[in-house]
Amino acid sequence: MSCYQYVEERTETRPIAIDVPLIKPADLLDASIKTKSEIVTATISLKEPTVSQAITNTIIRHFRGKGINVARVSKKTIYQILNTIPRHTFTSKNLNKVFRGETFTFKMSVIVHIKIIGDNYYLMRDRIYGRDNLKKAIAIKWLKSYEAHVFDCSEKSAFMEFWLERNGFNADIVADATHSWIKVEVELGNWVDVEATGDGPSIMVRRKYTYRFKDIYDAIEYFRDEYDWWNEIKREERIIEYVLK
């Protein structure tokens, strides 16, 4: 991706070097699971505001509770379940117009088509929120230099998404025609933009994006050679350091 390098003035700091684990993400694994057609309960919430999102995340939680690390549920499975939910289940009698707090039940499909995470690129962490917590998480300095078409805004953004997710934040990779950066959820439903380049990452003014990737798998599926930051790191190379102010 051809993009500019964002630069800002930063006060002098005292860095402490840290080692970053280098884990190459494997492709998501396709799987089909035969269920006992269990009846499960889902709730419309700020985090899951639509029926399909509530179904998706309920299925993911259901299988993760059984030790199966599900990343996604196929659209086919979601549509199958949606077609079994009576319209009178919701106050509006409209699946496309539901209200927060409404609870509904659905029967699990006999066969659920899913994608399983085949590696430990993402760790299971409780979510962390708050702008102050975000500022602490991004109080780092790049040790690896910016290099266009090698380790530029796309690789740095992909690494920052990895770093923030590992620190408990919900982070997405976004991009327009010339640049890539990160969106981070600091409150439920409230996202801020984080610039990944420069001396170190920083909260930036919100800007419009063309692409939005929920995880690294989405990003490398769409732009396979743009976000593979792990391929640009030498063995035991240190690429960031903490900054103490």
Protein backbone atom coordinates (compact mmCIF):
# COMPACT_ATOMS: atom_id res chain seq x y z
CA MET A 1 0.00 0.00 0.00
CA SER A 2 1.41 3.36 -0.99
CA CYS A 3 0.86 5.63 1.97
CA TYR A 4 2.31 8.56 3.82
CA GLN A 5 4.07 8.37 7.16
CA TYR A 6 2.33 10.29 9.91
CA VAL A 7 4.79 12.29 12.01
CA GLU A 8 4.23 14.17 15.22
CA GLU A 9 6.43 15.78 17.87
CA ARG A 10 6.84 13.71 21.02
CA THR A 11 8.43 14.67 24.31
CA GLU A 12 11.64 12.99 25.38
CA THR A 13 10.93 9.72 27.13
CA ARG A 14 12.68 6.86 28.87
CA PRO A 15 12.17 3.62 26.92
CA ILE A 16 12.18 0.06 28.20
CA ALA A 17 12.64 -2.54 25.47
CA ILE A 18 10.23 -5.48 25.37
CA ASP A 19 10.21 -8.62 23.27
CA VAL A 20 7.25 -9.12 20.96
CA PRO A 21 6.04 -12.67 20.28
CA LEU A 22 6.09 -13.46 16.57
CA ILE A 23 3.19 -15.71 15.67
CA LYS A 24 2.25 -16.30 12.07
CA PRO A 25 -1.54 -16.63 11.77
CA ALA A 26 -2.71 -19.75 9.99
CA ASP A 27 -5.70 -19.60 7.69
CA LEU A 28 -9.02 -20.13 9.40
CA LEU A 29 -10.09 -23.76 9.25
CA ASP A 30 -13.47 -24.69 7.80
CA ALA A 31 -15.51 -26.99 9.99
CA SER A 32 -19.00 -28.42 10.16
CA ILE A 33 -20.31 -29.44 13.55
CA LYS A 34 -23.27 -31.74 14.11
CA THR A 35 -25.31 -30.47 17.04
CA LYS A 36 -28.12 -31.82 19.17
CA SER A 37 -30.33 -28.94 17.95
CA GLU A 38 -30.11 -27.30 21.36
CA ILE A 39 -32.41 -24.39 22.19
CA VAL A 40 -30.29 -21.35 23.09
CA THR A 41 -31.11 -17.83 24.22
CA ALA A 42 -29.84 -14.59 22.71
CA THR A 43 -30.30 -10.95 23.68
CA ILE A 44 -30.33 -7.78 21.62
CA SER A 45 -27.76 -5.41 23.12
CA LEU A 46 -25.62 -2.40 22.30
CA LYS A 47 -22.82 -4.78 21.35
CA GLU A 48 -25.18 -7.09 19.42
CA PRO A 49 -27.83 -4.71 18.03
CA THR A 50 -29.24 -6.94 15.27
CA VAL A 51 -30.82 -10.39 15.31
CA SER A 52 -28.10 -11.86 13.09
CA GLN A 53 -25.30 -10.43 15.26
CA ALA A 54 -26.97 -11.75 18.41
CA ILE A 55 -27.32 -15.20 16.83
CA THR A 56 -23.72 -15.19 15.59
CA ASN A 57 -22.15 -14.24 18.91
CA THR A 58 -24.44 -16.57 20.87
CA ILE A 59 -23.32 -19.50 18.68
CA ILE A 60 -19.67 -18.50 19.08
CA ARG A 61 -20.03 -18.32 22.88
CA HIS A 62 -21.91 -21.63 22.88
CA PHE A 63 -19.09 -23.48 21.13
CA ARG A 64 -16.29 -21.68 22.96
CA GLY A 65 -17.94 -22.89 26.16
CA LYS A 66 -17.34 -26.39 24.82
CA GLY A 67 -13.68 -25.61 24.10
CA ILE A 68 -14.08 -25.01 20.35
CA ASN A 69 -12.39 -21.74 19.38
CA VAL A 70 -14.88 -20.50 16.77
CA ALA A 71 -13.96 -17.35 14.85
CA ARG A 72 -16.94 -17.03 12.52
CA VAL A 73 -20.30 -18.61 11.70
CA SER A 74 -21.26 -19.05 8.05
CA LYS A 75 -23.92 -16.82 6.53
CA LYS A 76 -25.75 -19.97 5.41
CA THR A 77 -26.14 -21.10 9.02
CA ILE A 78 -27.28 -17.67 10.17
CA TYR A 79 -29.89 -17.42 7.39
CA GLN A 80 -31.18 -20.90 8.20
CA ILE A 81 -31.72 -19.92 11.84
CA LEU A 82 -33.22 -16.52 10.97
CA ASN A 83 -35.88 -18.24 8.87
CA THR A 84 -37.01 -20.30 11.87
CA ILE A 85 -37.64 -17.32 14.18
CA PRO A 86 -41.32 -16.22 14.23
CA ARG A 87 -41.82 -12.51 13.51
CA HIS A 88 -44.11 -12.15 16.56
CA THR A 89 -41.05 -12.90 18.74
CA PHE A 90 -40.22 -9.19 18.70
CA THR A 91 -42.31 -6.19 19.73
CA SER A 92 -41.99 -4.65 16.29
CA LYS A 93 -42.81 -7.98 14.58
CA ASN A 94 -39.94 -7.10 12.27
CA LEU A 95 -36.55 -8.83 12.37
CA ASN A 96 -34.92 -5.73 10.95
CA LYS A 97 -36.24 -3.43 13.68
CA VAL A 98 -35.61 -4.78 17.15
CA PHE A 99 -35.07 -3.11 20.49
CA ARG A 100 -32.23 -3.33 22.95
CA GLY A 101 -32.94 -5.72 25.79
CA GLU A 102 -35.26 -8.01 23.82
CA THR A 103 -34.52 -11.68 24.45
CA PHE A 104 -35.32 -14.52 22.09
CA THR A 105 -34.61 -18.23 21.70
CA PHE A 106 -33.68 -20.23 18.65
CA LYS A 107 -32.89 -23.82 17.79
CA MET A 108 -29.35 -24.60 16.74
CA SER A 109 -29.09 -26.00 13.22
CA VAL A 110 -28.43 -29.73 12.97
CA ILE A 111 -25.23 -28.88 11.09
CA VAL A 112 -23.47 -25.60 11.93
CA HIS A 113 -20.87 -24.40 9.45
CA ILE A 114 -18.10 -22.44 11.15
CA LYS A 115 -14.51 -21.33 10.84
CA ILE A 116 -12.14 -22.28 13.63
CA ILE A 117 -9.05 -20.36 14.66
CA GLY A 118 -6.18 -22.68 13.86
CA ASP A 119 -3.53 -20.89 15.92
CA ASN A 120 -3.09 -18.64 18.94
CA TYR A 121 -2.59 -15.33 17.13
CA TYR A 122 -5.38 -13.88 19.26
CA LEU A 123 -5.53 -14.67 22.96
CA MET A 124 -8.81 -14.99 24.83
CA ARG A 125 -8.88 -11.85 26.98
CA ASP A 126 -11.55 -9.98 28.92
CA ARG A 127 -12.34 -6.75 27.10
CA ILE A 128 -10.73 -3.52 28.34
CA TYR A 129 -12.25 -0.10 27.68
CA GLY A 130 -11.42 3.52 28.45
CA ARG A 131 -9.44 6.23 26.68
CA ASP A 132 -6.89 6.41 29.51
CA ASN A 133 -6.28 2.66 29.28
CA LEU A 134 -5.85 3.03 25.53
CA LYS A 135 -3.30 5.80 25.98
CA LYS A 136 -1.29 3.51 28.27
CA ALA A 137 -1.47 0.65 25.78
CA ILE A 138 -0.17 2.78 22.91
CA ALA A 139 2.57 4.45 24.95
CA ILE A 140 5.17 2.69 22.86
CA LYS A 141 7.89 3.71 20.43
CA TRP A 142 8.81 2.01 17.19
CA LEU A 143 12.26 0.44 17.08
CA LYS A 144 11.72 -0.86 13.56
CA SER A 145 11.95 1.88 10.95
CA TYR A 146 9.19 2.78 8.55
CA GLU A 147 9.91 1.43 5.06
CA ALA A 148 7.51 2.00 2.17
CA HIS A 149 6.04 -1.19 0.69
CA VAL A 150 7.87 -3.28 3.30
CA PHE A 151 6.97 -2.12 6.81
CA ASP A 152 4.70 0.87 6.25
CA CYS A 153 1.26 1.96 7.42
CA SER A 154 -0.44 -1.35 6.58
CA GLU A 155 2.08 -3.58 8.40
CA LYS A 156 2.28 -1.18 11.34
CA SER A 157 -1.51 -1.02 11.57
CA ALA A 158 -1.76 -4.82 11.44
CA PHE A 159 0.81 -5.10 14.20
CA MET A 160 -1.01 -2.49 16.32
CA GLU A 161 -4.28 -4.39 15.93
CA PHE A 162 -2.46 -7.50 17.16
CA TRP A 163 -0.91 -5.55 20.05
CA LEU A 164 -4.18 -3.92 21.15
CA GLU A 165 -6.17 -7.16 20.94
CA ARG A 166 -3.50 -8.84 23.06
CA ASN A 167 -3.94 -6.06 25.59
CA GLY A 168 -7.70 -6.67 25.74
CA PHE A 169 -9.03 -4.01 23.35
CA ASN A 170 -11.49 -4.51 20.53
CA ALA A 171 -9.59 -3.17 17.52
CA ASP A 172 -10.23 -3.15 13.77
CA ILE A 173 -7.91 -2.40 10.85
CA VAL A 174 -9.23 0.28 8.48
CA ALA A 175 -7.92 1.81 5.26
CA ASP A 176 -8.70 4.20 2.46
CA ALA A 177 -7.05 4.43 -0.96
CA THR A 178 -3.74 5.74 0.40
CA HIS A 179 -3.44 4.94 4.10
CA SER A 180 -4.21 2.42 6.82
CA TRP A 181 -4.83 2.89 10.56
CA ILE A 182 -6.74 1.40 13.52
CA LYS A 183 -10.16 1.91 15.10
CA VAL A 184 -10.41 1.03 18.80
CA GLU A 185 -13.56 0.62 20.90
CA VAL A 186 -13.01 2.75 24.03
CA GLU A 187 -16.63 2.37 25.19
CA LEU A 188 -19.37 0.04 23.95
CA GLY A 189 -20.22 1.41 20.53
CA ASN A 190 -17.76 4.32 20.82
CA TRP A 191 -14.66 4.01 18.63
CA VAL A 192 -11.62 6.24 18.24
CA ASP A 193 -9.04 6.30 15.46
CA VAL A 194 -5.41 5.45 16.20
CA GLU A 195 -2.55 6.35 13.86
CA ALA A 196 0.07 3.60 13.79
CA THR A 197 3.00 5.36 12.13
CA GLY A 198 5.28 8.15 13.31
CA ASP A 199 7.64 7.65 16.24
CA GLY A 200 4.82 5.75 17.93
CA PRO A 201 1.04 5.30 17.71
CA SER A 202 -1.31 8.10 18.76
CA ILE A 203 -5.02 8.93 18.84
CA MET A 204 -5.89 10.83 15.68
CA VAL A 205 -8.77 12.88 14.30
CA ARG A 206 -11.46 10.61 12.90
CA ARG A 207 -11.34 10.17 9.14
CA LYS A 208 -13.42 8.28 6.61
CA TYR A 209 -12.33 4.81 5.54
CA THR A 210 -13.08 2.56 2.58
CA TYR A 211 -12.19 -0.82 4.06
CA ARG A 212 -12.73 -2.18 7.55
CA PHE A 213 -11.36 -5.53 8.70
CA LYS A 214 -12.55 -7.12 11.95
CA ASP A 215 -9.42 -9.27 12.26
CA ILE A 216 -6.16 -10.13 10.56
CA TYR A 217 -7.82 -12.97 8.65
CA ASP A 218 -10.16 -10.53 6.90
CA ALA A 219 -7.25 -8.22 6.11
CA ILE A 220 -4.91 -10.81 4.57
CA GLU A 221 -7.78 -12.40 2.65
CA TYR A 222 -8.45 -9.07 0.96
CA PHE A 223 -4.86 -7.74 0.81
CA ARG A 224 -2.69 -10.80 1.40
CA ASP A 225 0.71 -9.11 0.97
CA GLU A 226 -0.10 -5.80 2.70
CA TYR A 227 -0.78 -6.75 6.33
CA ASP A 228 1.61 -9.69 6.88
CA TRP A 229 3.86 -7.82 9.31
CA TRP A 230 5.33 -11.08 10.68
CA ASN A 231 7.03 -11.73 7.35
CA GLU A 232 9.02 -8.50 7.70
CA ILE A 233 10.49 -9.28 11.13
CA LYS A 234 13.91 -10.86 11.57
CA ARG A 235 14.42 -13.57 14.15
CA GLU A 236 14.41 -12.10 17.70
CA GLU A 237 14.15 -8.57 16.27
CA ARG A 238 12.72 -6.02 18.68
CA ILE A 239 10.25 -3.75 16.96
CA ILE A 240 8.72 -1.69 19.77
CA GLU A 241 9.57 -0.49 23.25
CA TYR A 242 7.48 0.85 26.10
CA VAL A 243 7.76 4.55 26.85
CA LEU A 244 7.81 5.95 30.39
CA LYS A 245 6.90 9.62 30.66
